[in-house]
């Protein structure tokens, strides 16, 4: 009439597998946090190999294009004087519309 209780060992192969999976996931997360580029290392290696095969010598067209870019950059902004004029006017208290309003008052 009395029942019997049976204790079982809760450490089964299923819980061990769960622990191992958890440890592996933790290791992957740690590795990804310390080396986030690891997943792309193969692709980056291929790109670097291809870039390494390029000639460092520029063609005449490439040299001309770079020369034109340098000339444009050294010429400065063609609108610099107009921009400076507007800034000076605004910093001095406004533009022509403000002066007009002040004359009417």
C-alpha atoms as a PDB file:
ATOM      1  CA  UNK A   1       0.000   0.000   0.000  1.00  0.00           C
ATOM      2  CA  UNK A   2       2.881   2.170   0.369  1.00  0.00           C
ATOM      3  CA  UNK A   3       4.431   3.344  -2.787  1.00  0.00           C
ATOM      4  CA  UNK A   4       8.061   3.234  -3.520  1.00  0.00           C
ATOM      5  CA  UNK A   5      10.006   6.080  -4.922  1.00  0.00           C
ATOM      6  CA  UNK A   6      12.843   5.591  -7.254  1.00  0.00           C
ATOM      7  CA  UNK A   7      15.611   8.115  -7.596  1.00  0.00           C
ATOM      8  CA  UNK A   8      17.130   8.507 -11.013  1.00  0.00           C
ATOM      9  CA  UNK A   9      20.376  10.060 -12.011  1.00  0.00           C
ATOM     10  CA  UNK A  10      19.521  13.339 -13.737  1.00  0.00           C
ATOM     11  CA  UNK A  11      22.815  13.421 -15.580  1.00  0.00           C
ATOM     12  CA  UNK A  12      21.863  11.679 -18.751  1.00  0.00           C
ATOM     13  CA  UNK A  13      23.438  11.634 -22.147  1.00  0.00           C
ATOM     14  CA  UNK A  14      20.888  14.233 -23.256  1.00  0.00           C
ATOM     15  CA  UNK A  15      21.919  16.733 -20.579  1.00  0.00           C
ATOM     16  CA  UNK A  16      25.591  16.106 -21.369  1.00  0.00           C
ATOM     17  CA  UNK A  17      24.905  16.827 -25.033  1.00  0.00           C
ATOM     18  CA  UNK A  18      23.096  20.017 -24.034  1.00  0.00           C
ATOM     19  CA  UNK A  19      26.063  21.082 -21.902  1.00  0.00           C
ATOM     20  CA  UNK A  20      28.503  20.387 -24.732  1.00  0.00           C
ATOM     21  CA  UNK A  21      26.387  22.354 -27.197  1.00  0.00           C
ATOM     22  CA  UNK A  22      26.219  25.234 -24.738  1.00  0.00           C
ATOM     23  CA  UNK A  23      29.991  25.176 -24.247  1.00  0.00           C
ATOM     24  CA  UNK A  24      30.594  25.106 -28.004  1.00  0.00           C
ATOM     25  CA  UNK A  25      28.222  28.041 -28.524  1.00  0.00           C
ATOM     26  CA  UNK A  26      30.012  29.955 -25.785  1.00  0.00           C
ATOM     27  CA  UNK A  27      33.392  29.231 -27.379  1.00  0.00           C
ATOM     28  CA  UNK A  28      32.125  30.361 -30.798  1.00  0.00           C
ATOM     29  CA  UNK A  29      30.740  33.569 -29.291  1.00  0.00           C
ATOM     30  CA  UNK A  30      34.050  34.272 -27.541  1.00  0.00           C
ATOM     31  CA  UNK A  31      36.014  33.576 -30.710  1.00  0.00           C
ATOM     32  CA  UNK A  32      33.711  35.792 -32.771  1.00  0.00           C
ATOM     33  CA  UNK A  33      34.055  38.606 -30.233  1.00  0.00           C
ATOM     34  CA  UNK A  34      37.861  38.433 -30.298  1.00  0.00           C
ATOM     35  CA  UNK A  35      38.264  37.803 -34.042  1.00  0.00           C
ATOM     36  CA  UNK A  36      35.174  39.190 -35.792  1.00  0.00           C
ATOM     37  CA  UNK A  37      36.887  39.093 -39.195  1.00  0.00           C
ATOM     38  CA  UNK A  38      37.613  35.331 -39.018  1.00  0.00           C
ATOM     39  CA  UNK A  39      34.532  34.437 -41.069  1.00  0.00           C
ATOM     40  CA  UNK A  40      35.712  36.621 -43.953  1.00  0.00           C
ATOM     41  CA  UNK A  41      39.404  35.711 -43.840  1.00  0.00           C
ATOM     42  CA  UNK A  42      39.137  33.502 -46.941  1.00  0.00           C
ATOM     43  CA  UNK A  43      37.470  36.229 -48.994  1.00  0.00           C
ATOM     44  CA  UNK A  44      39.928  38.860 -47.766  1.00  0.00           C
ATOM     45  CA  UNK A  45      42.830  36.567 -48.624  1.00  0.00           C
ATOM     46  CA  UNK A  46      41.515  36.164 -52.188  1.00  0.00           C
ATOM     47  CA  UNK A  47      41.108  39.935 -52.569  1.00  0.00           C
ATOM     48  CA  UNK A  48      44.618  40.603 -51.309  1.00  0.00           C
ATOM     49  CA  UNK A  49      46.024  38.018 -53.726  1.00  0.00           C
ATOM     50  CA  UNK A  50      44.231  39.701 -56.626  1.00  0.00           C
ATOM     51  CA  UNK A  51      45.346  43.179 -55.563  1.00  0.00           C
ATOM     52  CA  UNK A  52      48.901  41.930 -55.204  1.00  0.00           C
ATOM     53  CA  UNK A  53      48.845  40.964 -58.868  1.00  0.00           C
ATOM     54  CA  UNK A  54      48.027  44.492 -60.058  1.00  0.00           C
ATOM     55  CA  UNK A  55      50.745  46.571 -61.622  1.00  0.00           C
ATOM     56  CA  UNK A  56      51.867  49.543 -59.511  1.00  0.00           C
ATOM     57  CA  UNK A  57      52.650  51.492 -62.690  1.00  0.00           C
ATOM     58  CA  UNK A  58      49.955  53.919 -63.818  1.00  0.00           C
ATOM     59  CA  UNK A  59      48.854  54.243 -67.405  1.00  0.00           C
ATOM     60  CA  UNK A  60      49.042  57.616 -69.143  1.00  0.00           C
ATOM     61  CA  UNK A  61      45.270  58.094 -68.754  1.00  0.00           C
ATOM     62  CA  UNK A  62      45.427  57.312 -65.035  1.00  0.00           C
ATOM     63  CA  UNK A  63      48.310  59.708 -64.500  1.00  0.00           C
ATOM     64  CA  UNK A  64      46.441  62.408 -66.429  1.00  0.00           C
ATOM     65  CA  UNK A  65      43.293  61.890 -64.376  1.00  0.00           C
ATOM     66  CA  UNK A  66      45.220  62.145 -61.111  1.00  0.00           C
ATOM     67  CA  UNK A  67      46.970  65.274 -62.378  1.00  0.00           C
ATOM     68  CA  UNK A  68      43.630  66.873 -63.240  1.00  0.00           C
ATOM     69  CA  UNK A  69      42.244  66.012 -59.805  1.00  0.00           C
ATOM     70  CA  UNK A  70      45.285  67.613 -58.177  1.00  0.00           C
ATOM     71  CA  UNK A  71      44.909  70.745 -60.323  1.00  0.00           C
ATOM     72  CA  UNK A  72      41.215  71.040 -59.456  1.00  0.00           C
ATOM     73  CA  UNK A  73      41.949  70.633 -55.763  1.00  0.00           C
ATOM     74  CA  UNK A  74      44.725  73.227 -55.738  1.00  0.00           C
ATOM     75  CA  UNK A  75      42.528  75.760 -57.590  1.00  0.00           C
ATOM     76  CA  UNK A  76      40.256  76.022 -54.570  1.00  0.00           C
ATOM     77  CA  UNK A  77      36.563  76.727 -54.427  1.00  0.00           C
ATOM     78  CA  UNK A  78      35.440  79.017 -57.270  1.00  0.00           C
ATOM     79  CA  UNK A  79      32.622  80.317 -55.061  1.00  0.00           C
ATOM     80  CA  UNK A  80      34.828  81.136 -52.064  1.00  0.00           C
ATOM     81  CA  UNK A  81      34.646  84.918 -52.492  1.00  0.00           C
ATOM     82  CA  UNK A  82      30.840  84.904 -52.790  1.00  0.00           C
ATOM     83  CA  UNK A  83      30.520  82.623 -49.769  1.00  0.00           C
ATOM     84  CA  UNK A  84      32.831  84.916 -47.800  1.00  0.00           C
ATOM     85  CA  UNK A  85      30.791  87.953 -48.793  1.00  0.00           C
ATOM     86  CA  UNK A  86      27.534  86.397 -47.625  1.00  0.00           C
ATOM     87  CA  UNK A  87      29.129  85.307 -44.348  1.00  0.00           C
ATOM     88  CA  UNK A  88      30.533  88.793 -43.728  1.00  0.00           C
ATOM     89  CA  UNK A  89      27.167  90.400 -44.468  1.00  0.00           C
ATOM     90  CA  UNK A  90      25.320  88.041 -42.140  1.00  0.00           C
ATOM     91  CA  UNK A  91      27.901  88.466 -39.375  1.00  0.00           C
ATOM     92  CA  UNK A  92      27.630  92.239 -39.708  1.00  0.00           C
ATOM     93  CA  UNK A  93      23.939  92.136 -38.827  1.00  0.00           C
ATOM     94  CA  UNK A  94      22.095  90.943 -41.843  1.00  0.00           C
ATOM     95  CA  UNK A  95      21.569  91.536 -45.501  1.00  0.00           C
ATOM     96  CA  UNK A  96      19.926  94.207 -47.644  1.00  0.00           C
ATOM     97  CA  UNK A  97      16.438  93.244 -46.489  1.00  0.00           C
ATOM     98  CA  UNK A  98      17.349  94.118 -42.875  1.00  0.00           C
ATOM     99  CA  UNK A  99      18.821  97.454 -43.847  1.00  0.00           C
ATOM    100  CA  UNK A 100      15.633  98.228 -45.793  1.00  0.00           C
ATOM    101  CA  UNK A 101      13.459  97.336 -42.781  1.00  0.00           C
ATOM    102  CA  UNK A 102      15.548  99.563 -40.519  1.00  0.00           C
ATOM    103  CA  UNK A 103      15.161 102.562 -42.869  1.00  0.00           C
ATOM    104  CA  UNK A 104      11.378 102.301 -42.771  1.00  0.00           C
ATOM    105  CA  UNK A 105      11.212 102.366 -38.993  1.00  0.00           C
END
